[in-house]
Amino acid sequence: MKTATEIDIRTEGQMARTHYLNVDLGVKSWLLTTDHKRIGILYLWTILIFFVIASVAAAMMRLELLTPQGDLVTNETYNKLFTIHGVLMVWFFLIPSIPAVLGNFAIPMIIGARDVAFPKLNLLSWYIFVAGGALALWSLIHGGVDTGWTFYTPYSTTYANSHVISMAAGVFVAGFS
């Protein structure tokens, strides 16, 4: 009896081998997968979304710096854009990009493993990362944070609004993943 990876499927008159991209194309199959390659692709798309949001914030900051007066955004909004860019780039793009994407996608294939040791825990890690990112984006949507990506104490306690705790919790949850 052939396994799922050995079964050939017919696409447009040609025989194509079944692999991790075409074995099952439904959303449910992607969200409940235990295949390390698919989880690596889920991480890739998730961090690319955070990269795009951070890049838009960086572009708005640079557009503001084209003229000396603050005609595009206010000073407070500029500080929030700076924080959005820093937090998303550092905590949600740079840090998870190599271990999450390449560690899930390439390393098991490089060492010759069929799969990772705990595939369901691997998928849970992606869900926790998405939850941390959602918490961080929630704090940005509901007023933003203007403390910088490091959350240093003078800015995060004296001058901050109430969304610093939810942003820091989002970063912590993402780091836990």
N, C-alpha and C. Protein backbone atom coordinates (compact mmCIF):
# COMPACT_ATOMS: atom_id res chain seq x y z
N MET A 1 0.83 -1.17 0.00
CA MET A 1 0.00 0.00 0.00
C MET A 1 0.88 1.24 0.00
N LYS A 2 0.52 2.22 -0.81
CA LYS A 2 1.32 3.44 -0.91
C LYS A 2 0.91 4.44 0.16
N THR A 3 1.89 5.21 0.64
CA THR A 3 1.60 6.26 1.61
C THR A 3 1.19 7.53 0.86
N ALA A 4 0.82 8.55 1.62
CA ALA A 4 0.36 9.80 1.01
C ALA A 4 1.44 10.46 0.17
N THR A 5 2.69 10.28 0.54
CA THR A 5 3.75 10.93 -0.24
C THR A 5 4.14 10.11 -1.46
N GLU A 6 3.70 8.88 -1.56
CA GLU A 6 4.03 8.04 -2.71
C GLU A 6 2.92 8.00 -3.75
N ILE A 7 1.75 8.48 -3.41
CA ILE A 7 0.63 8.45 -4.34
C ILE A 7 0.81 9.54 -5.37
N ASP A 8 0.60 9.22 -6.61
CA ASP A 8 0.67 10.20 -7.68
C ASP A 8 -0.72 10.72 -7.98
N ILE A 9 -0.81 12.01 -8.22
CA ILE A 9 -2.09 12.59 -8.60
C ILE A 9 -1.98 13.17 -9.99
N ARG A 10 -3.10 13.23 -10.69
CA ARG A 10 -3.12 13.70 -12.06
C ARG A 10 -3.53 15.18 -12.07
N THR A 11 -2.66 16.03 -12.62
CA THR A 11 -2.98 17.45 -12.77
C THR A 11 -2.73 17.86 -14.20
N GLU A 12 -3.79 18.26 -14.90
CA GLU A 12 -3.74 18.74 -16.27
C GLU A 12 -3.00 17.77 -17.19
N GLY A 13 -3.33 16.52 -17.09
CA GLY A 13 -2.76 15.53 -18.00
C GLY A 13 -1.37 15.04 -17.64
N GLN A 14 -0.77 15.56 -16.60
CA GLN A 14 0.57 15.14 -16.21
C GLN A 14 0.50 14.44 -14.86
N MET A 15 1.43 13.54 -14.64
CA MET A 15 1.52 12.88 -13.34
C MET A 15 2.42 13.73 -12.44
N ALA A 16 1.90 14.14 -11.31
CA ALA A 16 2.67 14.92 -10.35
C ALA A 16 2.72 14.17 -9.03
N ARG A 17 3.86 14.22 -8.40
CA ARG A 17 4.01 13.55 -7.12
C ARG A 17 3.40 14.38 -6.01
N THR A 18 2.73 13.74 -5.08
CA THR A 18 2.13 14.43 -3.95
C THR A 18 3.22 14.84 -2.97
N HIS A 19 3.21 16.10 -2.56
CA HIS A 19 4.17 16.59 -1.58
C HIS A 19 3.47 17.54 -0.62
N TYR A 20 4.22 18.18 0.25
CA TYR A 20 3.65 18.95 1.34
C TYR A 20 2.82 20.15 0.87
N LEU A 21 3.01 20.62 -0.35
CA LEU A 21 2.23 21.76 -0.81
C LEU A 21 0.89 21.36 -1.43
N ASN A 22 0.80 20.16 -1.99
CA ASN A 22 -0.44 19.79 -2.68
C ASN A 22 -1.13 18.57 -2.10
N VAL A 23 -0.71 18.07 -0.96
CA VAL A 23 -1.33 16.88 -0.38
C VAL A 23 -2.77 17.17 0.03
N ASP A 24 -3.04 18.32 0.59
CA ASP A 24 -4.38 18.75 0.93
C ASP A 24 -4.35 20.27 0.94
N LEU A 25 -5.22 20.89 0.17
CA LEU A 25 -5.11 22.32 -0.05
C LEU A 25 -6.06 23.16 0.79
N GLY A 26 -6.81 22.58 1.69
CA GLY A 26 -7.76 23.33 2.49
C GLY A 26 -7.09 24.13 3.59
N VAL A 27 -7.79 25.15 4.06
CA VAL A 27 -7.29 25.98 5.15
C VAL A 27 -7.13 25.14 6.42
N LYS A 28 -8.08 24.25 6.64
CA LYS A 28 -8.02 23.38 7.83
C LYS A 28 -6.76 22.51 7.81
N SER A 29 -6.39 22.04 6.62
CA SER A 29 -5.19 21.20 6.55
C SER A 29 -3.93 22.00 6.88
N TRP A 30 -3.91 23.29 6.56
CA TRP A 30 -2.77 24.12 6.90
C TRP A 30 -2.76 24.50 8.38
N LEU A 31 -3.92 24.77 8.95
CA LEU A 31 -3.98 25.20 10.35
C LEU A 31 -3.84 24.05 11.34
N LEU A 32 -4.03 22.81 10.89
CA LEU A 32 -3.91 21.65 11.77
C LEU A 32 -2.77 20.72 11.35
N THR A 33 -1.87 21.21 10.54
CA THR A 33 -0.79 20.37 10.04
C THR A 33 0.24 20.06 11.12
N THR A 34 0.89 18.92 10.97
CA THR A 34 2.03 18.60 11.82
C THR A 34 3.29 18.44 10.98
N ASP A 35 3.23 18.81 9.72
CA ASP A 35 4.38 18.73 8.82
C ASP A 35 5.29 19.94 9.08
N HIS A 36 6.54 19.69 9.37
CA HIS A 36 7.47 20.77 9.72
C HIS A 36 7.66 21.76 8.58
N LYS A 37 7.55 21.31 7.34
CA LYS A 37 7.71 22.21 6.21
C LYS A 37 6.55 23.19 6.11
N ARG A 38 5.35 22.70 6.34
CA ARG A 38 4.18 23.59 6.32
C ARG A 38 4.22 24.57 7.49
N ILE A 39 4.66 24.13 8.64
CA ILE A 39 4.76 25.03 9.80
C ILE A 39 5.81 26.10 9.52
N GLY A 40 6.89 25.73 8.87
CA GLY A 40 7.89 26.73 8.47
C GLY A 40 7.31 27.75 7.51
N ILE A 41 6.46 27.32 6.60
CA ILE A 41 5.81 28.26 5.67
C ILE A 41 4.80 29.14 6.41
N LEU A 42 4.09 28.59 7.38
CA LEU A 42 3.18 29.41 8.20
C LEU A 42 3.96 30.51 8.93
N TYR A 43 5.10 30.14 9.51
CA TYR A 43 5.95 31.14 10.15
C TYR A 43 6.42 32.19 9.14
N LEU A 44 6.80 31.75 7.96
CA LEU A 44 7.29 32.67 6.93
C LEU A 44 6.24 33.72 6.59
N TRP A 45 5.01 33.28 6.34
CA TRP A 45 3.95 34.22 5.98
C TRP A 45 3.59 35.13 7.15
N THR A 46 3.63 34.60 8.36
CA THR A 46 3.31 35.42 9.53
C THR A 46 4.35 36.51 9.74
N ILE A 47 5.62 36.16 9.67
CA ILE A 47 6.64 37.20 9.89
C ILE A 47 6.69 38.16 8.72
N LEU A 48 6.29 37.74 7.53
CA LEU A 48 6.23 38.68 6.40
C LEU A 48 5.12 39.70 6.60
N ILE A 49 4.02 39.30 7.22
CA ILE A 49 2.95 40.26 7.53
C ILE A 49 3.46 41.30 8.52
N PHE A 50 4.17 40.85 9.55
CA PHE A 50 4.74 41.80 10.51
C PHE A 50 5.78 42.69 9.84
N PHE A 51 6.55 42.14 8.91
CA PHE A 51 7.55 42.93 8.18
C PHE A 51 6.88 44.03 7.36
N VAL A 52 5.77 43.72 6.71
CA VAL A 52 5.07 44.72 5.90
C VAL A 52 4.53 45.84 6.77
N ILE A 53 3.93 45.49 7.92
CA ILE A 53 3.41 46.52 8.82
C ILE A 53 4.55 47.41 9.33
N ALA A 54 5.67 46.80 9.71
CA ALA A 54 6.81 47.57 10.19
C ALA A 54 7.41 48.43 9.08
N SER A 55 7.40 47.93 7.86
CA SER A 55 7.92 48.71 6.73
C SER A 55 7.04 49.91 6.41
N VAL A 56 5.74 49.75 6.55
CA VAL A 56 4.83 50.89 6.34
C VAL A 56 5.09 51.96 7.40
N ALA A 57 5.30 51.54 8.64
CA ALA A 57 5.62 52.51 9.70
C ALA A 57 6.94 53.21 9.40
N ALA A 58 7.93 52.48 8.92
CA ALA A 58 9.22 53.09 8.58
C ALA A 58 9.09 54.06 7.41
N ALA A 59 8.27 53.69 6.43
CA ALA A 59 8.07 54.58 5.28
C ALA A 59 7.37 55.87 5.71
N MET A 60 6.40 55.76 6.62
CA MET A 60 5.73 56.97 7.10
C MET A 60 6.68 57.86 7.90
N MET A 61 7.59 57.25 8.66
CA MET A 61 8.59 58.04 9.39
C MET A 61 9.50 58.77 8.40
N ARG A 62 9.92 58.09 7.38
CA ARG A 62 10.82 58.71 6.41
C ARG A 62 10.12 59.79 5.60
N LEU A 63 8.85 59.60 5.30
CA LEU A 63 8.09 60.65 4.63
C LEU A 63 7.95 61.88 5.51
N GLU A 64 7.79 61.66 6.80
CA GLU A 64 7.71 62.78 7.74
C GLU A 64 9.03 63.54 7.78
N LEU A 65 10.14 62.86 7.63
CA LEU A 65 11.45 63.50 7.71
C LEU A 65 11.85 64.23 6.44
N LEU A 66 11.03 64.18 5.40
CA LEU A 66 11.34 64.90 4.17
C LEU A 66 11.30 66.41 4.37
N THR A 67 10.43 66.88 5.22
CA THR A 67 10.32 68.32 5.48
C THR A 67 10.61 68.60 6.95
N PRO A 68 11.11 69.79 7.27
CA PRO A 68 11.45 70.08 8.66
C PRO A 68 10.24 70.20 9.59
N GLN A 69 9.13 70.71 9.10
CA GLN A 69 7.97 70.85 9.97
C GLN A 69 7.18 69.54 9.98
N GLY A 70 6.41 69.33 11.03
CA GLY A 70 5.62 68.11 11.16
C GLY A 70 4.31 68.23 10.41
N ASP A 71 4.32 67.99 9.11
CA ASP A 71 3.10 68.16 8.33
C ASP A 71 2.39 66.86 7.99
N LEU A 72 3.03 65.72 8.13
CA LEU A 72 2.38 64.45 7.85
C LEU A 72 1.79 63.83 9.12
N VAL A 73 2.58 63.75 10.16
CA VAL A 73 2.13 63.20 11.44
C VAL A 73 2.60 64.12 12.56
N THR A 74 1.96 64.00 13.72
CA THR A 74 2.37 64.78 14.89
C THR A 74 3.59 64.14 15.55
N ASN A 75 4.13 64.84 16.53
CA ASN A 75 5.29 64.30 17.25
C ASN A 75 4.94 63.01 17.99
N GLU A 76 3.76 62.98 18.60
CA GLU A 76 3.33 61.78 19.33
C GLU A 76 3.14 60.60 18.37
N THR A 77 2.56 60.85 17.22
CA THR A 77 2.37 59.78 16.24
C THR A 77 3.70 59.30 15.69
N TYR A 78 4.64 60.21 15.50
CA TYR A 78 5.97 59.82 15.04
C TYR A 78 6.63 58.88 16.04
N ASN A 79 6.51 59.20 17.33
CA ASN A 79 7.07 58.33 18.36
C ASN A 79 6.40 56.96 18.36
N LYS A 80 5.09 56.94 18.13
CA LYS A 80 4.38 55.67 18.04
C LYS A 80 4.80 54.87 16.82
N LEU A 81 5.01 55.54 15.69
CA LEU A 81 5.50 54.86 14.49
C LEU A 81 6.89 54.28 14.72
N PHE A 82 7.72 55.03 15.42
CA PHE A 82 9.06 54.55 15.74
C PHE A 82 8.99 53.28 16.59
N THR A 83 8.09 53.27 17.56
CA THR A 83 7.92 52.10 18.41
C THR A 83 7.35 50.93 17.64
N ILE A 84 6.33 51.19 16.80
CA ILE A 84 5.75 50.13 15.98
C ILE A 84 6.83 49.48 15.11
N HIS A 85 7.59 50.32 14.45
CA HIS A 85 8.65 49.80 13.57
C HIS A 85 9.67 48.98 14.36
N GLY A 86 10.12 49.51 15.48
CA GLY A 86 11.13 48.81 16.27
C GLY A 86 10.65 47.50 16.85
N VAL A 87 9.46 47.52 17.45
CA VAL A 87 8.94 46.31 18.09
C VAL A 87 8.68 45.22 17.06
N LEU A 88 8.01 45.58 15.98
CA LEU A 88 7.68 44.55 14.99
C LEU A 88 8.92 44.03 14.28
N MET A 89 9.86 44.90 13.97
CA MET A 89 11.07 44.44 13.27
C MET A 89 11.95 43.56 14.16
N VAL A 90 12.13 43.96 15.39
CA VAL A 90 13.03 43.20 16.27
C VAL A 90 12.35 41.95 16.80
N TRP A 91 11.20 42.11 17.46
CA TRP A 91 10.59 41.01 18.18
C TRP A 91 9.73 40.09 17.32
N PHE A 92 9.23 40.59 16.19
CA PHE A 92 8.32 39.78 15.39
C PHE A 92 8.84 39.49 13.98
N PHE A 93 10.00 40.01 13.61
CA PHE A 93 10.59 39.67 12.31
C PHE A 93 12.02 39.14 12.46
N LEU A 94 12.91 39.94 12.99
CA LEU A 94 14.32 39.55 13.02
C LEU A 94 14.59 38.33 13.90
N ILE A 95 14.12 38.37 15.13
CA ILE A 95 14.41 37.29 16.05
C ILE A 95 13.78 35.96 15.62
N PRO A 96 12.50 35.91 15.21
CA PRO A 96 11.94 34.60 14.84
C PRO A 96 12.27 34.14 13.43
N SER A 97 12.84 34.99 12.60
CA SER A 97 13.00 34.60 11.19
C SER A 97 13.92 33.40 10.99
N ILE A 98 15.10 33.41 11.54
CA ILE A 98 16.04 32.31 11.31
C ILE A 98 15.63 31.04 12.05
N PRO A 99 15.43 31.07 13.38
CA PRO A 99 15.10 29.80 14.04
C PRO A 99 13.72 29.25 13.67
N ALA A 100 12.74 30.11 13.46
CA ALA A 100 11.39 29.61 13.19
C ALA A 100 11.23 29.14 11.76
N VAL A 101 11.65 29.95 10.81
CA VAL A 101 11.46 29.58 9.40
C VAL A 101 12.47 28.54 8.98
N LEU A 102 13.74 28.87 9.08
CA LEU A 102 14.77 27.91 8.63
C LEU A 102 14.87 26.71 9.55
N GLY A 103 14.68 26.94 10.85
CA GLY A 103 14.73 25.82 11.79
C GLY A 103 13.62 24.81 11.57
N ASN A 104 12.46 25.28 11.19
CA ASN A 104 11.36 24.36 10.92
C ASN A 104 11.42 23.78 9.53
N PHE A 105 11.76 24.59 8.56
CA PHE A 105 11.69 24.13 7.17
C PHE A 105 12.93 23.33 6.77
N ALA A 106 14.10 23.88 7.00
CA ALA A 106 15.31 23.31 6.40
C ALA A 106 16.07 22.34 7.31
N ILE A 107 16.20 22.63 8.58
CA ILE A 107 17.07 21.83 9.45
C ILE A 107 16.68 20.35 9.50
N PRO A 108 15.39 19.99 9.64
CA PRO A 108 15.08 18.56 9.63
C PRO A 108 15.47 17.88 8.31
N MET A 109 15.34 18.57 7.20
CA MET A 109 15.75 17.99 5.92
C MET A 109 17.26 17.90 5.80
N ILE A 110 17.96 18.88 6.35
CA ILE A 110 19.42 18.88 6.28
C ILE A 110 20.00 17.72 7.09
N ILE A 111 19.43 17.46 8.27
CA ILE A 111 19.97 16.38 9.09
C ILE A 111 19.38 15.02 8.73
N GLY A 112 18.44 14.99 7.79
CA GLY A 112 17.88 13.73 7.32
C GLY A 112 16.75 13.18 8.15
N ALA A 113 16.13 14.01 8.96
CA ALA A 113 15.00 13.56 9.78
C ALA A 113 13.72 13.62 8.95
N ARG A 114 12.81 12.69 9.20
CA ARG A 114 11.54 12.70 8.50
C ARG A 114 10.63 13.80 9.00
N ASP A 115 10.73 14.12 10.29
CA ASP A 115 9.91 15.15 10.90
C ASP A 115 10.60 15.62 12.18
N VAL A 116 10.04 16.62 12.82
CA VAL A 116 10.59 17.08 14.10
C VAL A 116 10.11 16.14 15.21
N ALA A 117 10.72 16.24 16.37
CA ALA A 117 10.42 15.30 17.45
C ALA A 117 9.00 15.43 17.98
N PHE A 118 8.52 16.66 18.17
CA PHE A 118 7.18 16.89 18.71
C PHE A 118 6.42 17.80 17.74
N PRO A 119 5.81 17.24 16.70
CA PRO A 119 5.19 18.09 15.67
C PRO A 119 4.00 18.90 16.18
N LYS A 120 3.21 18.38 17.10
CA LYS A 120 2.07 19.14 17.62
C LYS A 120 2.53 20.30 18.50
N LEU A 121 3.60 20.09 19.24
CA LEU A 121 4.19 21.17 20.02
C LEU A 121 4.77 22.25 19.10
N ASN A 122 5.31 21.82 17.98
CA ASN A 122 5.83 22.74 16.98
C ASN A 122 4.71 23.62 16.44
N LEU A 123 3.56 23.04 16.13
CA LEU A 123 2.41 23.82 15.66
C LEU A 123 1.89 24.73 16.77
N LEU A 124 1.85 24.25 18.01
CA LEU A 124 1.41 25.08 19.13
C LEU A 124 2.31 26.31 19.29
N SER A 125 3.59 26.15 19.02
CA SER A 125 4.52 27.26 19.08
C SER A 125 4.13 28.35 18.09
N TRP A 126 3.70 27.97 16.88
CA TRP A 126 3.25 28.96 15.90
C TRP A 126 1.99 29.66 16.38
N TYR A 127 1.05 28.90 16.96
CA TYR A 127 -0.17 29.51 17.48
C TYR A 127 0.14 30.50 18.61
N ILE A 128 1.08 30.18 19.47
CA ILE A 128 1.46 31.09 20.55
C ILE A 128 2.12 32.33 19.97
N PHE A 129 2.93 32.18 18.94
CA PHE A 129 3.55 33.32 18.28
C PHE A 129 2.49 34.25 17.67
N VAL A 130 1.50 33.65 17.02
CA VAL A 130 0.42 34.45 16.44
C VAL A 130 -0.38 35.15 17.54
N ALA A 131 -0.61 34.49 18.66
CA ALA A 131 -1.32 35.12 19.78
C ALA A 131 -0.54 36.31 20.34
N GLY A 132 0.78 36.17 20.46
CA GLY A 132 1.61 37.29 20.92
C GLY A 132 1.58 38.44 19.94
N GLY A 133 1.63 38.12 18.65
CA GLY A 133 1.55 39.17 17.64
C GLY A 133 0.20 39.85 17.63
N ALA A 134 -0.87 39.09 17.84
CA ALA A 134 -2.20 39.67 17.90
C ALA A 134 -2.34 40.60 19.11
N LEU A 135 -1.76 40.21 20.23
CA LEU A 135 -1.80 41.06 21.42
C LEU A 135 -1.02 42.36 21.19
N ALA A 136 0.12 42.25 20.54
CA ALA A 136 0.92 43.45 20.24
C ALA A 136 0.18 44.35 19.25
N LEU A 137 -0.43 43.77 18.23
CA LEU A 137 -1.18 44.58 17.27
C LEU A 137 -2.42 45.19 17.91
N TRP A 138 -3.04 44.49 18.86
CA TRP A 138 -4.18 45.05 19.57
C TRP A 138 -3.77 46.32 20.31
N SER A 139 -2.61 46.29 20.96
CA SER A 139 -2.17 47.48 21.69
C SER A 139 -1.82 48.62 20.74
N LEU A 140 -1.38 48.29 19.53
CA LEU A 140 -1.09 49.34 18.56
C LEU A 140 -2.38 49.95 18.01
N ILE A 141 -3.37 49.13 17.77
CA ILE A 141 -4.64 49.62 17.22
C ILE A 141 -5.40 50.45 18.25
N HIS A 142 -5.30 50.10 19.50
CA HIS A 142 -6.05 50.80 20.55
C HIS A 142 -5.24 51.92 21.20
N GLY A 143 -4.48 52.62 20.44
CA GLY A 143 -3.81 53.80 20.98
C GLY A 143 -2.31 53.83 20.78
N GLY A 144 -1.69 52.70 20.63
CA GLY A 144 -0.27 52.68 20.37
C GLY A 144 0.58 52.85 21.61
N VAL A 145 1.85 52.66 21.42
CA VAL A 145 2.84 52.77 22.48
C VAL A 145 3.95 53.67 21.97
N ASP A 146 4.41 54.60 22.79
CA ASP A 146 5.44 55.55 22.34
C ASP A 146 6.70 55.48 23.19
N THR A 147 7.10 54.29 23.56
CA THR A 147 8.25 54.14 24.46
C THR A 147 9.52 53.69 23.75
N GLY A 148 9.47 53.36 22.49
CA GLY A 148 10.60 52.76 21.81
C GLY A 148 10.56 51.25 21.97
N TRP A 149 11.31 50.55 21.17
CA TRP A 149 11.21 49.08 21.16
C TRP A 149 11.83 48.43 22.37
N THR A 150 12.59 49.18 23.18
CA THR A 150 13.25 48.58 24.34
C THR A 150 12.42 48.66 25.60
N PHE A 151 11.38 49.49 25.63
CA PHE A 151 10.51 49.68 26.80
C PHE A 151 11.29 50.11 28.04
N TYR A 152 12.26 51.01 27.87
CA TYR A 152 13.04 51.47 29.02
C TYR A 152 12.14 52.17 30.03
N THR A 153 12.50 52.09 31.27
CA THR A 153 11.66 52.51 32.38
C THR A 153 11.25 53.99 32.35
N PRO A 154 12.09 54.95 32.10
CA PRO A 154 11.57 56.33 32.16
C PRO A 154 10.42 56.56 31.16
N TYR A 155 10.54 56.01 29.98
CA TYR A 155 9.50 56.23 28.98
C TYR A 155 8.30 55.32 29.20
N SER A 156 8.53 54.10 29.65
CA SER A 156 7.43 53.14 29.77
C SER A 156 6.63 53.27 31.05
N THR A 157 7.07 54.10 31.99
CA THR A 157 6.31 54.26 33.23
C THR A 157 5.78 55.68 33.39
N THR A 158 6.62 56.68 33.27
CA THR A 158 6.21 58.05 33.53
C THR A 158 5.36 58.63 32.41
N TYR A 159 5.80 58.44 31.16
CA TYR A 159 5.16 59.13 30.04
C TYR A 159 4.23 58.23 29.23
N ALA A 160 4.05 57.00 29.63
CA ALA A 160 3.36 56.04 28.78
C ALA A 160 1.86 56.03 29.01
N ASN A 161 1.17 55.55 27.99
CA ASN A 161 -0.27 55.31 28.13
C ASN A 161 -0.47 53.89 28.66
N SER A 162 -1.68 53.45 28.72
CA SER A 162 -1.96 52.16 29.35
C SER A 162 -1.69 50.95 28.46
N HIS A 163 -1.22 51.15 27.26
CA HIS A 163 -1.04 50.04 26.34
C HIS A 163 0.38 49.44 26.38
N VAL A 164 1.23 49.95 27.24
CA VAL A 164 2.58 49.41 27.36
C VAL A 164 2.54 47.99 27.90
N ILE A 165 1.64 47.74 28.85
CA ILE A 165 1.57 46.40 29.45
C ILE A 165 1.14 45.37 28.42
N SER A 166 0.13 45.70 27.61
CA SER A 166 -0.31 44.73 26.59
C SER A 166 0.74 44.53 25.52
N MET A 167 1.47 45.59 25.16
CA MET A 167 2.53 45.43 24.17
C MET A 167 3.67 44.57 24.73
N ALA A 168 4.07 44.84 25.96
CA ALA A 168 5.12 44.04 26.58
C ALA A 168 4.66 42.60 26.77
N ALA A 169 3.40 42.40 27.07
CA ALA A 169 2.88 41.03 27.18
C ALA A 169 2.89 40.34 25.83
N GLY A 170 2.57 41.05 24.76
CA GLY A 170 2.63 40.47 23.42
C GLY A 170 4.05 40.06 23.05
N VAL A 171 5.01 40.90 23.38
CA VAL A 171 6.42 40.57 23.12
C VAL A 171 6.83 39.36 23.96
N PHE A 172 6.41 39.32 25.22
CA PHE A 172 6.75 38.20 26.09
C PHE A 172 6.14 36.89 25.57
N VAL A 173 4.87 36.93 25.15
CA VAL A 173 4.22 35.74 24.64
C VAL A 173 4.90 35.25 23.35
N ALA A 174 5.25 36.20 22.49
CA ALA A 174 5.95 35.83 21.26
C ALA A 174 7.32 35.24 21.57
N GLY A 175 8.00 35.80 22.56
CA GLY A 175 9.28 35.24 22.96
C GLY A 175 9.15 33.86 23.58
N PHE A 176 8.04 33.63 24.28
CA PHE A 176 7.78 32.33 24.87
C PHE A 176 7.55 31.26 23.80
N SER A 177 7.04 31.68 22.66
CA SER A 177 6.74 30.69 21.61
C SER A 177 8.02 30.11 21.07
